[in-house]
Every structure is written in C-alpha cells, then in structure tokens.
Amino acid sequence: MIQRLPNQMFELELEGGARVKAHLGEEMKMKYTRLLPGERVRVEISAFDPGRGRVVSRIG
C-alpha cells in the first residue's frame, strides 16, 4: 500500500510497478480491517477499468 485516500480508498503499487486505486472488500469491511502503509495485500482488478480494484485480503 502506498497511501490512504478518503472514503476507505487506497492507492496501491502492484508488483509490476503499476498503480491502482482500490477499496476494501465487503468481508474486510465487516471485520473492521485496518491497513498500514507497506503491508502486502491481495487485490482483484476490475475487468472494465484496470486502474481500479478491490482489496480482498492481507498477505502474511
């Protein structure tokens, strides 16, 4: 995670160097998950807009 944006949005940098804006998935919202800069997360990228995604889970 690069930085936190308003309305539970995050700017993420993928392993390939691309940057996407992502929001928390429903399960992570229900568990009140907080993300810190530098954490590794699993992201589902939108098929319609490759610059958007959804944070599904934490890695590690």
Protein backbone atom coordinates (compact mmCIF):
# COMPACT_ATOMS: atom_id res chain seq x y z
CA MET A 1 0.00 0.00 0.00
CA ILE A 2 1.32 3.43 -0.93
CA GLN A 3 -1.14 5.76 0.78
CA ARG A 4 -4.61 6.01 2.24
CA LEU A 5 -7.20 8.12 0.42
CA PRO A 6 -10.60 9.39 1.65
CA ASN A 7 -13.68 7.11 1.77
CA GLN A 8 -11.79 3.88 2.50
CA MET A 9 -9.83 4.08 -0.75
CA PHE A 10 -6.18 3.16 -1.05
CA GLU A 11 -3.51 3.80 -3.64
CA LEU A 12 -1.60 0.57 -4.24
CA GLU A 13 1.52 -0.26 -6.21
CA LEU A 14 1.44 -3.68 -7.88
CA GLU A 15 4.48 -5.93 -8.23
CA GLY A 16 4.81 -4.91 -11.88
CA GLY A 17 5.08 -1.24 -10.89
CA ALA A 18 1.55 -0.22 -11.95
CA ARG A 19 -0.54 1.85 -9.55
CA VAL A 20 -4.24 1.29 -8.88
CA LYS A 21 -6.86 2.78 -6.61
CA ALA A 22 -8.72 0.17 -4.57
CA HIS A 23 -11.41 -0.01 -1.91
CA LEU A 24 -11.88 -2.61 0.83
CA GLY A 25 -13.90 -5.72 0.02
CA GLU A 26 -17.08 -6.46 1.99
CA GLU A 27 -15.53 -9.14 4.20
CA MET A 28 -12.68 -6.84 5.20
CA LYS A 29 -15.16 -4.05 5.98
CA MET A 30 -17.22 -6.36 8.18
CA LYS A 31 -14.10 -7.31 10.17
CA TYR A 32 -13.06 -3.62 10.57
CA THR A 33 -9.68 -4.35 9.00
CA ARG A 34 -7.16 -1.53 9.04
CA LEU A 35 -4.30 -1.36 6.57
CA LEU A 36 -0.95 0.28 7.17
CA PRO A 37 1.48 1.60 4.57
CA GLY A 38 3.89 -1.10 3.44
CA GLU A 39 1.53 -4.04 4.01
CA ARG A 40 1.14 -6.61 1.24
CA VAL A 41 -2.45 -7.26 0.15
CA ARG A 42 -4.29 -9.35 -2.44
CA VAL A 43 -6.21 -7.23 -4.96
CA GLU A 44 -8.91 -8.08 -7.52
CA ILE A 45 -8.54 -5.78 -10.53
CA SER A 46 -11.68 -4.60 -12.35
CA ALA A 47 -12.13 -6.00 -15.86
CA PHE A 48 -13.69 -2.73 -17.02
CA ASP A 49 -11.19 -0.27 -15.50
CA PRO A 50 -7.67 -1.63 -14.90
CA GLY A 51 -6.90 1.38 -12.69
CA ARG A 52 -9.46 0.27 -10.07
CA GLY A 53 -9.61 -2.71 -7.76
CA ARG A 54 -10.82 -4.27 -4.53
CA VAL A 55 -8.60 -5.31 -1.59
CA VAL A 56 -9.60 -8.90 -0.79
CA SER A 57 -7.13 -9.97 1.89
CA ARG A 58 -3.83 -9.38 3.60
CA ILE A 59 -0.79 -11.47 2.67
CA GLY A 60 1.38 -12.70 5.50
